[in-house]
Amino acid sequence: MEKTQIVYDDFAKVDIRIGRVLAVLPFERARHPAYKVEVDFGPLGRKWSSAQITSYKAEDLVGSLVACVINMPPRNIAGFNSEILILGARNTAGEVKLLTPTHEIEIGEAVF
C-alpha cells in the first residue's frame, strides 16, 4: 500500500548513511527473530540496531555495508537500546533483504 505523499523537505530530514557491520549477536528476547547489530559509521561513531535480518547467517553479515537511518530517537526493544534503523525490504519469500551499495562506499557517507 502506498503511503501519503510527502514533500522534499520531509525526506530531507531523514539522515540515511552507509555503515559497515562490525558485530552480529543473537537477540533471544526479541518478539520476532532478530539480531543485535553493531554498525560503524566512521567519523559518526558506532551504533547498535535490533534487526529482523535472520535470513542471513550472522557471520555472513560481518563486514558488509548497509544503509541505515541514523537520526531517529533510540527505541527500547525488549530491554535493548536500538539506535538506528537498518534498511531492507521483503522478497517474494517473505525474507528481509538488506539495501546495500553495489560499490565500495566510505562509511559514514550520506545517501541522497
PDB file of N, CA and C in Angstrom:
ATOM      1  N   MET A   1       0.836  -1.175   0.000  1.00  0.00           N
ATOM      2  CA  MET A   1       0.000   0.000   0.000  1.00  0.00           C
ATOM      3  C   MET A   1       0.886   1.245   0.000  1.00  0.00           C
ATOM      4  N   GLU A   2       0.579   2.148  -0.867  1.00  0.00           N
ATOM      5  CA  GLU A   2       1.324   3.390  -0.971  1.00  0.00           C
ATOM      6  C   GLU A   2       0.979   4.310   0.198  1.00  0.00           C
ATOM      7  N   LYS A   3       1.993   5.006   0.710  1.00  0.00           N
ATOM      8  CA  LYS A   3       1.785   5.926   1.833  1.00  0.00           C
ATOM      9  C   LYS A   3       1.454   7.316   1.319  1.00  0.00           C
ATOM     10  N   THR A   4       1.050   8.187   2.228  1.00  0.00           N
ATOM     11  CA  THR A   4       0.716   9.566   1.895  1.00  0.00           C
ATOM     12  C   THR A   4       1.913  10.268   1.262  1.00  0.00           C
ATOM     13  N   GLN A   5       1.660  11.054   0.252  1.00  0.00           N
ATOM     14  CA  GLN A   5       2.715  11.792  -0.434  1.00  0.00           C
ATOM     15  C   GLN A   5       3.336  12.823   0.504  1.00  0.00           C
ATOM     16  N   ILE A   6       4.655  12.978   0.404  1.00  0.00           N
ATOM     17  CA  ILE A   6       5.374  13.975   1.202  1.00  0.00           C
ATOM     18  C   ILE A   6       6.073  14.954   0.273  1.00  0.00           C
ATOM     19  N   VAL A   7       6.557  16.030   0.853  1.00  0.00           N
ATOM     20  CA  VAL A   7       7.336  16.999   0.088  1.00  0.00           C
ATOM     21  C   VAL A   7       8.826  16.726   0.328  1.00  0.00           C
ATOM     22  N   TYR A   8       9.672  17.272  -0.519  1.00  0.00           N
ATOM     23  CA  TYR A   8      11.108  17.018  -0.413  1.00  0.00           C
ATOM     24  C   TYR A   8      11.649  17.388   0.969  1.00  0.00           C
ATOM     25  N   ASP A   9      11.165  18.468   1.552  1.00  0.00           N
ATOM     26  CA  ASP A   9      11.659  18.887   2.873  1.00  0.00           C
ATOM     27  C   ASP A   9      11.443  17.803   3.930  1.00  0.00           C
ATOM     28  N   ASP A  10      10.364  17.016   3.806  1.00  0.00           N
ATOM     29  CA  ASP A  10      10.143  15.900   4.723  1.00  0.00           C
ATOM     30  C   ASP A  10      11.231  14.845   4.543  1.00  0.00           C
ATOM     31  N   PHE A  11      11.510  14.473   3.305  1.00  0.00           N
ATOM     32  CA  PHE A  11      12.540  13.479   3.015  1.00  0.00           C
ATOM     33  C   PHE A  11      13.918  13.974   3.459  1.00  0.00           C
ATOM     34  N   ALA A  12      14.187  15.255   3.279  1.00  0.00           N
ATOM     35  CA  ALA A  12      15.497  15.817   3.612  1.00  0.00           C
ATOM     36  C   ALA A  12      15.809  15.709   5.105  1.00  0.00           C
ATOM     37  N   LYS A  13      14.800  15.520   5.941  1.00  0.00           N
ATOM     38  CA  LYS A  13      15.017  15.369   7.378  1.00  0.00           C
ATOM     39  C   LYS A  13      15.589  13.996   7.737  1.00  0.00           C
ATOM     40  N   VAL A  14      15.435  13.020   6.856  1.00  0.00           N
ATOM     41  CA  VAL A  14      15.892  11.656   7.128  1.00  0.00           C
ATOM     42  C   VAL A  14      17.378  11.564   6.791  1.00  0.00           C
ATOM     43  N   ASP A  15      18.182  11.192   7.794  1.00  0.00           N
ATOM     44  CA  ASP A  15      19.635  11.067   7.613  1.00  0.00           C
ATOM     45  C   ASP A  15      19.972   9.591   7.392  1.00  0.00           C
ATOM     46  N   ILE A  16      20.152   9.217   6.116  1.00  0.00           N
ATOM     47  CA  ILE A  16      20.494   7.843   5.751  1.00  0.00           C
ATOM     48  C   ILE A  16      21.987   7.807   5.458  1.00  0.00           C
ATOM     49  N   ARG A  17      22.694   6.909   6.133  1.00  0.00           N
ATOM     50  CA  ARG A  17      24.148   6.804   5.990  1.00  0.00           C
ATOM     51  C   ARG A  17      24.558   5.365   5.700  1.00  0.00           C
ATOM     52  N   ILE A  18      25.735   5.229   5.109  1.00  0.00           N
ATOM     53  CA  ILE A  18      26.324   3.914   4.856  1.00  0.00           C
ATOM     54  C   ILE A  18      27.205   3.545   6.041  1.00  0.00           C
ATOM     55  N   GLY A  19      27.021   2.339   6.535  1.00  0.00           N
ATOM     56  CA  GLY A  19      27.835   1.842   7.640  1.00  0.00           C
ATOM     57  C   GLY A  19      28.332   0.440   7.344  1.00  0.00           C
ATOM     58  N   ARG A  20      29.307   0.005   8.145  1.00  0.00           N
ATOM     59  CA  ARG A  20      29.850  -1.352   7.996  1.00  0.00           C
ATOM     60  C   ARG A  20      29.512  -2.154   9.250  1.00  0.00           C
ATOM     61  N   VAL A  21      28.943  -3.334   9.055  1.00  0.00           N
ATOM     62  CA  VAL A  21      28.569  -4.198  10.165  1.00  0.00           C
ATOM     63  C   VAL A  21      29.837  -4.716  10.850  1.00  0.00           C
ATOM     64  N   LEU A  22      29.928  -4.467  12.170  1.00  0.00           N
ATOM     65  CA  LEU A  22      31.083  -4.917  12.966  1.00  0.00           C
ATOM     66  C   LEU A  22      30.799  -6.187  13.744  1.00  0.00           C
ATOM     67  N   ALA A  23      29.588  -6.289  14.277  1.00  0.00           N
ATOM     68  CA  ALA A  23      29.243  -7.441  15.115  1.00  0.00           C
ATOM     69  C   ALA A  23      27.771  -7.767  14.960  1.00  0.00           C
ATOM     70  N   VAL A  24      27.466  -9.059  15.062  1.00  0.00           N
ATOM     71  CA  VAL A  24      26.085  -9.534  14.996  1.00  0.00           C
ATOM     72  C   VAL A  24      25.911 -10.543  16.122  1.00  0.00           C
ATOM     73  N   LEU A  25      25.001 -10.228  17.045  1.00  0.00           N
ATOM     74  CA  LEU A  25      24.769 -11.071  18.216  1.00  0.00           C
ATOM     75  C   LEU A  25      23.342 -11.587  18.214  1.00  0.00           C
ATOM     76  N   PRO A  26      23.114 -12.757  18.805  1.00  0.00           N
ATOM     77  CA  PRO A  26      21.736 -13.243  18.911  1.00  0.00           C
ATOM     78  C   PRO A  26      20.912 -12.324  19.800  1.00  0.00           C
ATOM     79  N   PHE A  27      19.613 -12.255  19.539  1.00  0.00           N
ATOM     80  CA  PHE A  27      18.712 -11.427  20.341  1.00  0.00           C
ATOM     81  C   PHE A  27      17.509 -12.287  20.737  1.00  0.00           C
ATOM     82  N   GLU A  28      17.728 -13.131  21.739  1.00  0.00           N
ATOM     83  CA  GLU A  28      16.714 -14.089  22.164  1.00  0.00           C
ATOM     84  C   GLU A  28      15.447 -13.428  22.707  1.00  0.00           C
ATOM     85  N   ARG A  29      15.560 -12.251  23.308  1.00  0.00           N
ATOM     86  CA  ARG A  29      14.396 -11.592  23.930  1.00  0.00           C
ATOM     87  C   ARG A  29      13.486 -10.893  22.918  1.00  0.00           C
ATOM     88  N   ALA A  30      13.909 -10.786  21.679  1.00  0.00           N
ATOM     89  CA  ALA A  30      13.087 -10.114  20.663  1.00  0.00           C
ATOM     90  C   ALA A  30      11.808 -10.909  20.402  1.00  0.00           C
ATOM     91  N   ARG A  31      10.710 -10.204  20.169  1.00  0.00           N
ATOM     92  CA  ARG A  31       9.416 -10.847  19.894  1.00  0.00           C
ATOM     93  C   ARG A  31       9.462 -11.628  18.583  1.00  0.00           C
ATOM     94  N   HIS A  32      10.119 -11.066  17.579  1.00  0.00           N
ATOM     95  CA  HIS A  32      10.292 -11.719  16.284  1.00  0.00           C
ATOM     96  C   HIS A  32      11.776 -12.021  16.129  1.00  0.00           C
ATOM     97  N   PRO A  33      12.140 -13.089  15.401  1.00  0.00           N
ATOM     98  CA  PRO A  33      13.567 -13.413  15.256  1.00  0.00           C
ATOM     99  C   PRO A  33      14.375 -12.194  14.796  1.00  0.00           C
ATOM    100  N   ALA A  34      15.444 -11.885  15.532  1.00  0.00           N
ATOM    101  CA  ALA A  34      16.245 -10.687  15.240  1.00  0.00           C
ATOM    102  C   ALA A  34      17.660 -10.872  15.758  1.00  0.00           C
ATOM    103  N   TYR A  35      18.524  -9.988  15.299  1.00  0.00           N
ATOM    104  CA  TYR A  35      19.898  -9.889  15.790  1.00  0.00           C
ATOM    105  C   TYR A  35      20.097  -8.531  16.440  1.00  0.00           C
ATOM    106  N   LYS A  36      21.112  -8.445  17.306  1.00  0.00           N
ATOM    107  CA  LYS A  36      21.654  -7.167  17.756  1.00  0.00           C
ATOM    108  C   LYS A  36      22.840  -6.911  16.842  1.00  0.00           C
ATOM    109  N   VAL A  37      22.836  -5.777  16.149  1.00  0.00           N
ATOM    110  CA  VAL A  37      23.848  -5.498  15.130  1.00  0.00           C
ATOM    111  C   VAL A  37      24.575  -4.204  15.458  1.00  0.00           C
ATOM    112  N   GLU A  38      25.918  -4.268  15.523  1.00  0.00           N
ATOM    113  CA  GLU A  38      26.738  -3.069  15.715  1.00  0.00           C
ATOM    114  C   GLU A  38      27.244  -2.616  14.351  1.00  0.00           C
ATOM    115  N   VAL A  39      27.033  -1.320  14.063  1.00  0.00           N
ATOM    116  CA  VAL A  39      27.406  -0.755  12.762  1.00  0.00           C
ATOM    117  C   VAL A  39      28.354   0.418  12.980  1.00  0.00           C
ATOM    118  N   ASP A  40      29.428   0.453  12.197  1.00  0.00           N
ATOM    119  CA  ASP A  40      30.422   1.526  12.256  1.00  0.00           C
ATOM    120  C   ASP A  40      30.131   2.550  11.163  1.00  0.00           C
ATOM    121  N   PHE A  41      30.026   3.820  11.571  1.00  0.00           N
ATOM    122  CA  PHE A  41      29.792   4.915  10.624  1.00  0.00           C
ATOM    123  C   PHE A  41      31.006   5.839  10.545  1.00  0.00           C
ATOM    124  N   GLY A  42      32.192   5.313  10.839  1.00  0.00           N
ATOM    125  CA  GLY A  42      33.416   6.105  10.747  1.00  0.00           C
ATOM    126  C   GLY A  42      33.386   7.295  11.678  1.00  0.00           C
ATOM    127  N   PRO A  43      33.490   8.519  11.132  1.00  0.00           N
ATOM    128  CA  PRO A  43      33.556   9.715  11.982  1.00  0.00           C
ATOM    129  C   PRO A  43      32.282   9.953  12.799  1.00  0.00           C
ATOM    130  N   LEU A  44      31.186   9.278  12.444  1.00  0.00           N
ATOM    131  CA  LEU A  44      29.925   9.437  13.177  1.00  0.00           C
ATOM    132  C   LEU A  44      29.802   8.432  14.325  1.00  0.00           C
ATOM    133  N   GLY A  45      30.767   7.546  14.451  1.00  0.00           N
ATOM    134  CA  GLY A  45      30.782   6.593  15.552  1.00  0.00           C
ATOM    135  C   GLY A  45      30.106   5.271  15.230  1.00  0.00           C
ATOM    136  N   ARG A  46      29.975   4.469  16.271  1.00  0.00           N
ATOM    137  CA  ARG A  46      29.354   3.149  16.175  1.00  0.00           C
ATOM    138  C   ARG A  46      27.987   3.186  16.839  1.00  0.00           C
ATOM    139  N   LYS A  47      27.033   2.480  16.234  1.00  0.00           N
ATOM    140  CA  LYS A  47      25.674   2.452  16.769  1.00  0.00           C
ATOM    141  C   LYS A  47      25.134   1.023  16.669  1.00  0.00           C
ATOM    142  N   TRP A  48      24.128   0.741  17.524  1.00  0.00           N
ATOM    143  CA  TRP A  48      23.517  -0.584  17.579  1.00  0.00           C
ATOM    144  C   TRP A  48      22.096  -0.557  17.048  1.00  0.00           C
ATOM    145  N   SER A  49      21.677  -1.697  16.491  1.00  0.00           N
ATOM    146  CA  SER A  49      20.315  -1.845  15.990  1.00  0.00           C
ATOM    147  C   SER A  49      19.784  -3.231  16.308  1.00  0.00           C
ATOM    148  N   SER A  50      18.486  -3.316  16.565  1.00  0.00           N
ATOM    149  CA  SER A  50      17.782  -4.586  16.571  1.00  0.00           C
ATOM    150  C   SER A  50      17.274  -4.757  15.144  1.00  0.00           C
ATOM    151  N   ALA A  51      17.652  -5.851  14.495  1.00  0.00           N
ATOM    152  CA  ALA A  51      17.305  -6.009  13.079  1.00  0.00           C
ATOM    153  C   ALA A  51      16.758  -7.407  12.803  1.00  0.00           C
ATOM    154  N   GLN A  52      15.611  -7.457  12.146  1.00  0.00           N
ATOM    155  CA  GLN A  52      14.987  -8.729  11.776  1.00  0.00           C
ATOM    156  C   GLN A  52      15.558  -9.209  10.444  1.00  0.00           C
ATOM    157  N   ILE A  53      16.823  -9.533  10.467  1.00  0.00           N
ATOM    158  CA  ILE A  53      17.528  -9.953   9.243  1.00  0.00           C
ATOM    159  C   ILE A  53      18.105 -11.359   9.413  1.00  0.00           C
ATOM    160  N   THR A  54      17.342 -12.224  10.085  1.00  0.00           N
ATOM    161  CA  THR A  54      17.831 -13.568  10.384  1.00  0.00           C
ATOM    162  C   THR A  54      17.794 -14.504   9.179  1.00  0.00           C
ATOM    163  N   SER A  55      17.380 -14.007   8.011  1.00  0.00           N
ATOM    164  CA  SER A  55      17.515 -14.819   6.798  1.00  0.00           C
ATOM    165  C   SER A  55      18.987 -14.892   6.379  1.00  0.00           C
ATOM    166  N   TYR A  56      19.823 -14.056   6.993  1.00  0.00           N
ATOM    167  CA  TYR A  56      21.271 -14.080   6.792  1.00  0.00           C
ATOM    168  C   TYR A  56      21.913 -14.813   7.968  1.00  0.00           C
ATOM    169  N   LYS A  57      23.028 -15.474   7.724  1.00  0.00           N
ATOM    170  CA  LYS A  57      23.833 -16.015   8.815  1.00  0.00           C
ATOM    171  C   LYS A  57      24.593 -14.845   9.433  1.00  0.00           C
ATOM    172  N   ALA A  58      24.688 -14.842  10.752  1.00  0.00           N
ATOM    173  CA  ALA A  58      25.355 -13.739  11.459  1.00  0.00           C
ATOM    174  C   ALA A  58      26.757 -13.508  10.917  1.00  0.00           C
ATOM    175  N   GLU A  59      27.514 -14.576  10.719  1.00  0.00           N
ATOM    176  CA  GLU A  59      28.903 -14.426  10.270  1.00  0.00           C
ATOM    177  C   GLU A  59      28.998 -13.868   8.850  1.00  0.00           C
ATOM    178  N   ASP A  60      27.963 -14.048   8.045  1.00  0.00           N
ATOM    179  CA  ASP A  60      27.972 -13.507   6.679  1.00  0.00           C
ATOM    180  C   ASP A  60      27.700 -12.007   6.658  1.00  0.00           C
ATOM    181  N   LEU A  61      27.072 -11.489   7.707  1.00  0.00           N
ATOM    182  CA  LEU A  61      26.765 -10.060   7.770  1.00  0.00           C
ATOM    183  C   LEU A  61      27.968  -9.213   8.174  1.00  0.00           C
ATOM    184  N   VAL A  62      28.852  -9.779   8.992  1.00  0.00           N
ATOM    185  CA  VAL A  62      30.007  -9.020   9.489  1.00  0.00           C
ATOM    186  C   VAL A  62      30.875  -8.574   8.311  1.00  0.00           C
ATOM    187  N   GLY A  63      31.155  -7.275   8.267  1.00  0.00           N
ATOM    188  CA  GLY A  63      31.968  -6.703   7.188  1.00  0.00           C
ATOM    189  C   GLY A  63      31.147  -6.127   6.048  1.00  0.00           C
ATOM    190  N   SER A  64      29.855  -6.398   6.021  1.00  0.00           N
ATOM    191  CA  SER A  64      29.043  -5.901   4.904  1.00  0.00           C
ATOM    192  C   SER A  64      28.656  -4.439   5.109  1.00  0.00           C
ATOM    193  N   LEU A  65      28.413  -3.758   3.991  1.00  0.00           N
ATOM    194  CA  LEU A  65      27.943  -2.376   4.018  1.00  0.00           C
ATOM    195  C   LEU A  65      26.424  -2.373   4.056  1.00  0.00           C
ATOM    196  N   VAL A  66      25.854  -1.465   4.858  1.00  0.00           N
ATOM    197  CA  VAL A  66      24.403  -1.357   4.983  1.00  0.00           C
ATOM    198  C   VAL A  66      23.987   0.110   4.951  1.00  0.00           C
ATOM    199  N   ALA A  67      22.770   0.356   4.508  1.00  0.00           N
ATOM    200  CA  ALA A  67      22.184   1.699   4.540  1.00  0.00           C
ATOM    201  C   ALA A  67      21.308   1.780   5.783  1.00  0.00           C
ATOM    202  N   CYS A  68      21.463   2.865   6.554  1.00  0.00           N
ATOM    203  CA  CYS A  68      20.761   2.998   7.835  1.00  0.00           C
ATOM    204  C   CYS A  68      20.242   4.411   8.045  1.00  0.00           C
ATOM    205  N   VAL A  69      19.085   4.515   8.683  1.00  0.00           N
ATOM    206  CA  VAL A  69      18.589   5.803   9.166  1.00  0.00           C
ATOM    207  C   VAL A  69      19.220   6.004  10.533  1.00  0.00           C
ATOM    208  N   ILE A  70      19.963   7.107  10.691  1.00  0.00           N
ATOM    209  CA  ILE A  70      20.708   7.304  11.942  1.00  0.00           C
ATOM    210  C   ILE A  70      20.160   8.429  12.815  1.00  0.00           C
ATOM    211  N   ASN A  71      19.128   9.138  12.361  1.00  0.00           N
ATOM    212  CA  ASN A  71      18.654  10.277  13.156  1.00  0.00           C
ATOM    213  C   ASN A  71      17.252  10.082  13.734  1.00  0.00           C
ATOM    214  N   MET A  72      16.900   8.834  14.010  1.00  0.00           N
ATOM    215  CA  MET A  72      15.657   8.559  14.734  1.00  0.00           C
ATOM    216  C   MET A  72      15.997   8.428  16.211  1.00  0.00           C
ATOM    217  N   PRO A  73      15.055   8.732  17.106  1.00  0.00           N
ATOM    218  CA  PRO A  73      15.372   8.564  18.528  1.00  0.00           C
ATOM    219  C   PRO A  73      15.561   7.082  18.851  1.00  0.00           C
ATOM    220  N   PRO A  74      16.424   6.770  19.816  1.00  0.00           N
ATOM    221  CA  PRO A  74      16.616   5.368  20.210  1.00  0.00           C
ATOM    222  C   PRO A  74      15.294   4.749  20.668  1.00  0.00           C
ATOM    223  N   ARG A  75      15.185   3.442  20.449  1.00  0.00           N
ATOM    224  CA  ARG A  75      13.973   2.720  20.802  1.00  0.00           C
ATOM    225  C   ARG A  75      14.329   1.527  21.678  1.00  0.00           C
ATOM    226  N   ASN A  76      13.606   1.367  22.777  1.00  0.00           N
ATOM    227  CA  ASN A  76      13.833   0.230  23.662  1.00  0.00           C
ATOM    228  C   ASN A  76      13.047  -0.960  23.127  1.00  0.00           C
ATOM    229  N   ILE A  77      13.775  -1.987  22.699  1.00  0.00           N
ATOM    230  CA  ILE A  77      13.155  -3.192  22.169  1.00  0.00           C
ATOM    231  C   ILE A  77      13.570  -4.352  23.065  1.00  0.00           C
ATOM    232  N   ALA A  78      12.634  -4.839  23.859  1.00  0.00           N
ATOM    233  CA  ALA A  78      12.875  -5.964  24.776  1.00  0.00           C
ATOM    234  C   ALA A  78      14.111  -5.727  25.638  1.00  0.00           C
ATOM    235  N   GLY A  79      14.240  -4.483  26.159  1.00  0.00           N
ATOM    236  CA  GLY A  79      15.356  -4.156  27.034  1.00  0.00           C
ATOM    237  C   GLY A  79      16.647  -3.791  26.325  1.00  0.00           C
ATOM    238  N   PHE A  80      16.626  -3.732  25.003  1.00  0.00           N
ATOM    239  CA  PHE A  80      17.807  -3.385  24.206  1.00  0.00           C
ATOM    240  C   PHE A  80      17.588  -2.028  23.563  1.00  0.00           C
ATOM    241  N   ASN A  81      18.600  -1.142  23.622  1.00  0.00           N
ATOM    242  CA  ASN A  81      18.511   0.207  23.063  1.00  0.00           C
ATOM    243  C   ASN A  81      18.908   0.185  21.585  1.00  0.00           C
ATOM    244  N   SER A  82      17.921   0.221  20.694  1.00  0.00           N
ATOM    245  CA  SER A  82      18.165   0.226  19.254  1.00  0.00           C
ATOM    246  C   SER A  82      18.270   1.676  18.796  1.00  0.00           C
ATOM    247  N   GLU A  83      19.454   2.060  18.283  1.00  0.00           N
ATOM    248  CA  GLU A  83      19.755   3.462  17.974  1.00  0.00           C
ATOM    249  C   GLU A  83      19.533   3.842  16.513  1.00  0.00           C
ATOM    250  N   ILE A  84      19.522   2.865  15.621  1.00  0.00           N
ATOM    251  CA  ILE A  84      19.430   3.124  14.181  1.00  0.00           C
ATOM    252  C   ILE A  84      18.456   2.144  13.547  1.00  0.00           C
ATOM    253  N   LEU A  85      18.057   2.439  12.323  1.00  0.00           N
ATOM    254  CA  LEU A  85      17.201   1.555  11.551  1.00  0.00           C
ATOM    255  C   LEU A  85      17.984   1.096  10.326  1.00  0.00           C
ATOM    256  N   ILE A  86      18.284  -0.191  10.274  1.00  0.00           N
ATOM    257  CA  ILE A  86      18.956  -0.767   9.109  1.00  0.00           C
ATOM    258  C   ILE A  86      17.887  -1.001   8.047  1.00  0.00           C
ATOM    259  N   LEU A  87      18.118  -0.504   6.830  1.00  0.00           N
ATOM    260  CA  LEU A  87      17.101  -0.559   5.786  1.00  0.00           C
ATOM    261  C   LEU A  87      17.124  -1.878   5.015  1.00  0.00           C
ATOM    262  N   GLY A  88      15.937  -2.384   4.749  1.00  0.00           N
ATOM    263  CA  GLY A  88      15.785  -3.620   3.996  1.00  0.00           C
ATOM    264  C   GLY A  88      14.400  -3.678   3.384  1.00  0.00           C
ATOM    265  N   ALA A  89      14.143  -4.739   2.642  1.00  0.00           N
ATOM    266  CA  ALA A  89      12.840  -4.960   2.021  1.00  0.00           C
ATOM    267  C   ALA A  89      12.581  -6.462   1.984  1.00  0.00           C
ATOM    268  N   ARG A  90      11.313  -6.837   2.028  1.00  0.00           N
ATOM    269  CA  ARG A  90      10.951  -8.264   1.961  1.00  0.00           C
ATOM    270  C   ARG A  90      10.923  -8.720   0.504  1.00  0.00           C
ATOM    271  N   ASN A  91      11.492  -9.910   0.281  1.00  0.00           N
ATOM    272  CA  ASN A  91      11.423 -10.505  -1.052  1.00  0.00           C
ATOM    273  C   ASN A  91      10.137 -11.327  -1.161  1.00  0.00           C
ATOM    274  N   THR A  92       9.941 -12.000  -2.288  1.00  0.00           N
ATOM    275  CA  THR A  92       8.703 -12.755  -2.506  1.00  0.00           C
ATOM    276  C   THR A  92       8.565 -13.925  -1.535  1.00  0.00           C
ATOM    277  N   ALA A  93       9.661 -14.391  -0.948  1.00  0.00           N
ATOM    278  CA  ALA A  93       9.618 -15.472   0.041  1.00  0.00           C
ATOM    279  C   ALA A  93       9.342 -14.933   1.449  1.00  0.00           C
ATOM    280  N   GLY A  94       9.236 -13.604   1.591  1.00  0.00           N
ATOM    281  CA  GLY A  94       8.969 -13.003   2.885  1.00  0.00           C
ATOM    282  C   GLY A  94      10.203 -12.743   3.722  1.00  0.00           C
ATOM    283  N   GLU A  95      11.393 -12.976   3.158  1.00  0.00           N
ATOM    284  CA  GLU A  95      12.641 -12.729   3.876  1.00  0.00           C
ATOM    285  C   GLU A  95      13.031 -11.268   3.747  1.00  0.00           C
ATOM    286  N   VAL A  96      13.566 -10.694   4.827  1.00  0.00           N
ATOM    287  CA  VAL A  96      14.066  -9.325   4.767  1.00  0.00           C
ATOM    288  C   VAL A  96      15.461  -9.352   4.151  1.00  0.00           C
ATOM    289  N   LYS A  97      15.646  -8.591   3.095  1.00  0.00           N
ATOM    290  CA  LYS A  97      16.944  -8.467   2.423  1.00  0.00           C
ATOM    291  C   LYS A  97      17.436  -7.033   2.590  1.00  0.00           C
ATOM    292  N   LEU A  98      18.701  -6.891   2.884  1.00  0.00           N
ATOM    293  CA  LEU A  98      19.298  -5.585   3.148  1.00  0.00           C
ATOM    294  C   LEU A  98      19.420  -4.748   1.888  1.00  0.00           C
ATOM    295  N   LEU A  99      19.280  -3.435   2.060  1.00  0.00           N
ATOM    296  CA  LEU A  99      19.583  -2.492   0.985  1.00  0.00           C
ATOM    297  C   LEU A  99      21.063  -2.155   1.146  1.00  0.00           C
ATOM    298  N   THR A 100      21.861  -2.544   0.184  1.00  0.00           N
ATOM    299  CA  THR A 100      23.310  -2.362   0.278  1.00  0.00           C
ATOM    300  C   THR A 100      23.836  -1.716  -0.998  1.00  0.00           C
ATOM    301  N   PRO A 101      24.939  -0.955  -0.883  1.00  0.00           N
ATOM    302  CA  PRO A 101      25.543  -0.374  -2.082  1.00  0.00           C
ATOM    303  C   PRO A 101      26.119  -1.472  -2.984  1.00  0.00           C
ATOM    304  N   THR A 102      26.115  -1.218  -4.277  1.00  0.00           N
ATOM    305  CA  THR A 102      26.707  -2.179  -5.213  1.00  0.00           C
ATOM    306  C   THR A 102      28.201  -1.934  -5.398  1.00  0.00           C
ATOM    307  N   HIS A 103      28.695  -0.808  -4.902  1.00  0.00           N
ATOM    308  CA  HIS A 103      30.118  -0.477  -4.982  1.00  0.00           C
ATOM    309  C   HIS A 103      30.618  -0.116  -3.590  1.00  0.00           C
ATOM    310  N   GLU A 104      31.922  -0.167  -3.412  1.00  0.00           N
ATOM    311  CA  GLU A 104      32.514   0.219  -2.127  1.00  0.00           C
ATOM    312  C   GLU A 104      32.277   1.714  -1.906  1.00  0.00           C
ATOM    313  N   ILE A 105      31.742   2.050  -0.746  1.00  0.00           N
ATOM    314  CA  ILE A 105      31.440   3.428  -0.361  1.00  0.00           C
ATOM    315  C   ILE A 105      32.098   3.675   0.985  1.00  0.00           C
ATOM    316  N   GLU A 106      32.633   4.864   1.204  1.00  0.00           N
ATOM    317  CA  GLU A 106      33.204   5.219   2.507  1.00  0.00           C
ATOM    318  C   GLU A 106      32.119   5.162   3.569  1.00  0.00           C
ATOM    319  N   ILE A 107      32.433   4.563   4.702  1.00  0.00           N
ATOM    320  CA  ILE A 107      31.439   4.512   5.771  1.00  0.00           C
ATOM    321  C   ILE A 107      31.198   5.928   6.294  1.00  0.00           C
ATOM    322  N   GLY A 108      29.945   6.174   6.648  1.00  0.00           N
ATOM    323  CA  GLY A 108      29.539   7.498   7.099  1.00  0.00           C
ATOM    324  C   GLY A 108      28.978   8.373   5.989  1.00  0.00           C
ATOM    325  N   GLU A 109      29.146   7.963   4.736  1.00  0.00           N
ATOM    326  CA  GLU A 109      28.638   8.772   3.609  1.00  0.00           C
ATOM    327  C   GLU A 109      27.118   8.827   3.620  1.00  0.00           C
ATOM    328  N   ALA A 110      26.570   9.953   3.226  1.00  0.00           N
ATOM    329  CA  ALA A 110      25.117  10.150   3.182  1.00  0.00           C
ATOM    330  C   ALA A 110      24.525   9.546   1.911  1.00  0.00           C
ATOM    331  N   VAL A 111      23.312   9.052   2.052  1.00  0.00           N
ATOM    332  CA  VAL A 111      22.521   8.574   0.918  1.00  0.00           C
ATOM    333  C   VAL A 111      21.542   9.693   0.568  1.00  0.00           C
ATOM    334  N   PHE A 112      21.442  10.017  -0.723  1.00  0.00           N
ATOM    335  CA  PHE A 112      20.529  11.087  -1.133  1.00  0.00           C
ATOM    336  C   PHE A 112      19.848  10.725  -2.418  1.00  0.00           C
TER     337      PHE A 112
END
